[in-house]
Protein backbone atom coordinates (compact mmCIF):
# COMPACT_ATOMS: atom_id res chain seq x y z
CA MET A 1 23.88 7.35 -22.73
CA PRO A 2 27.22 5.55 -22.40
CA SER A 3 26.94 1.92 -21.37
CA ARG A 4 28.65 2.53 -18.06
CA ALA A 5 25.99 5.11 -17.21
CA VAL A 6 23.30 2.67 -18.20
CA ALA A 7 24.84 -0.13 -16.05
CA ALA A 8 25.18 2.27 -13.07
CA ALA A 9 21.60 3.45 -13.37
CA PHE A 10 20.41 -0.18 -13.53
CA GLU A 11 22.47 -1.07 -10.45
CA GLN A 12 20.66 1.72 -8.49
CA GLU A 13 17.17 0.35 -9.35
CA ASP A 14 15.26 -1.82 -6.89
CA SER A 15 15.88 -5.63 -7.29
CA PRO A 16 13.08 -7.72 -8.55
CA SER A 17 12.66 -9.27 -5.19
CA GLU A 18 12.35 -5.94 -3.52
CA LEU A 19 9.78 -4.82 -6.00
CA ALA A 20 7.77 -7.92 -5.66
CA THR A 21 7.59 -7.85 -1.86
CA GLY A 22 7.54 -4.21 -1.27
CA LEU A 23 10.36 -4.70 1.40
CA ARG A 24 13.28 -2.38 1.61
CA HIS A 25 15.20 -1.89 4.78
CA GLY A 26 14.81 1.67 6.06
CA LYS A 27 12.02 2.54 3.68
CA SER A 28 9.64 5.02 5.38
CA TYR A 29 5.91 5.48 4.49
CA GLU A 30 3.27 7.96 5.41
CA CYS A 31 -0.04 6.55 6.55
CA ASP A 32 -2.87 7.51 4.23
CA ALA A 33 -5.35 7.59 7.12
CA CYS A 34 -3.59 9.57 9.93
CA GLY A 35 -0.58 11.08 8.14
CA ARG A 36 1.95 9.77 10.56
CA SER A 37 5.33 8.50 9.13
CA PHE A 38 6.59 5.06 9.93
CA GLU A 39 9.35 2.82 8.88
CA GLY A 40 9.16 -0.81 7.69
CA GLU A 41 6.52 -2.74 5.95
CA PRO A 42 3.01 -1.18 6.00
CA ALA A 43 0.60 -3.09 8.26
CA GLY A 44 -2.13 -2.79 5.54
CA ALA A 45 -3.24 -0.73 2.63
CA GLY A 46 -6.40 1.09 1.47
CA LEU A 47 -7.79 0.59 -1.95
CA PHE A 48 -8.93 3.31 -4.24
CA LEU A 49 -10.53 2.23 -7.49
CA TRP A 50 -11.67 4.51 -10.34
CA THR A 51 -12.09 4.40 -14.06
CA ARG A 52 -11.17 6.81 -16.83
CA GLY A 53 -12.84 5.83 -20.12
CA ASP A 54 -12.05 2.12 -20.62
CA GLU A 55 -9.02 2.19 -18.26
CA VAL A 56 -9.38 0.92 -14.68
CA ARG A 57 -6.91 2.54 -12.14
CA TYR A 58 -6.30 1.54 -8.65
CA GLU A 59 -4.10 2.69 -5.85
CA GLU A 60 -3.13 0.88 -2.50
CA PRO A 61 -1.97 3.60 -0.17
CA PRO A 62 -0.02 2.38 2.92
CA LEU A 63 -1.48 2.21 6.46
CA CYS A 64 0.20 2.23 9.81
CA GLU A 65 -0.50 -0.69 12.19
CA ALA A 66 -3.00 1.38 14.30
CA CYS A 67 -5.06 2.54 11.38
CA ALA A 68 -4.99 -0.80 9.62
CA SER A 69 -6.33 -2.47 12.78
CA GLU A 70 -8.89 0.18 13.33
CA ILE A 71 -10.21 0.10 9.76
CA THR A 72 -10.25 -3.74 9.73
CA VAL A 73 -12.29 -3.99 12.99
CA GLY A 74 -14.63 -1.26 11.84
CA ALA A 75 -15.28 -3.04 8.63
CA LEU A 76 -15.94 -6.38 10.32
CA VAL A 77 -18.31 -4.80 12.92
CA LYS A 78 -20.19 -3.12 10.07
CA TRP A 79 -20.28 -6.39 8.07
CA ASP A 80 -21.60 -8.27 11.04
CA ALA A 81 -24.25 -5.61 11.71
CA GLU A 82 -25.48 -5.86 8.09
CA ASP A 83 -25.72 -9.64 8.39
CA ASP A 84 -27.81 -9.26 11.56
CA GLU A 85 -30.24 -6.87 9.72
CA GLU A 86 -30.75 -9.30 6.85
CA GLY A 87 -31.89 -11.99 9.10
C-alpha cells in the first residue's frame, strides 16, 4: 500500500481520545434491551462474560437511558430484598 494510502487510512481512524471515552458526535447505538436506536453516549451498558478454553471474553452492549435506569433500579430492589432475607 502506498504511503499516502496508509496516511489517509490512518487519518480516518478514530482518535485515541474518542476510543478511550467512547464519545463521537453523531454516533448512534441500538439498545441491547429494547432494540431502540438512540444517538449520543449510552446511559449504561450490560455485561456478558463467557469463557472459551483459557480465554475469557466479555462484551458491554449499550443501553438507552430508560433501560439503563430500569435495570439498575430492578437490580437494587432485588439486592435489597436478598439482604432482608438474610437477616
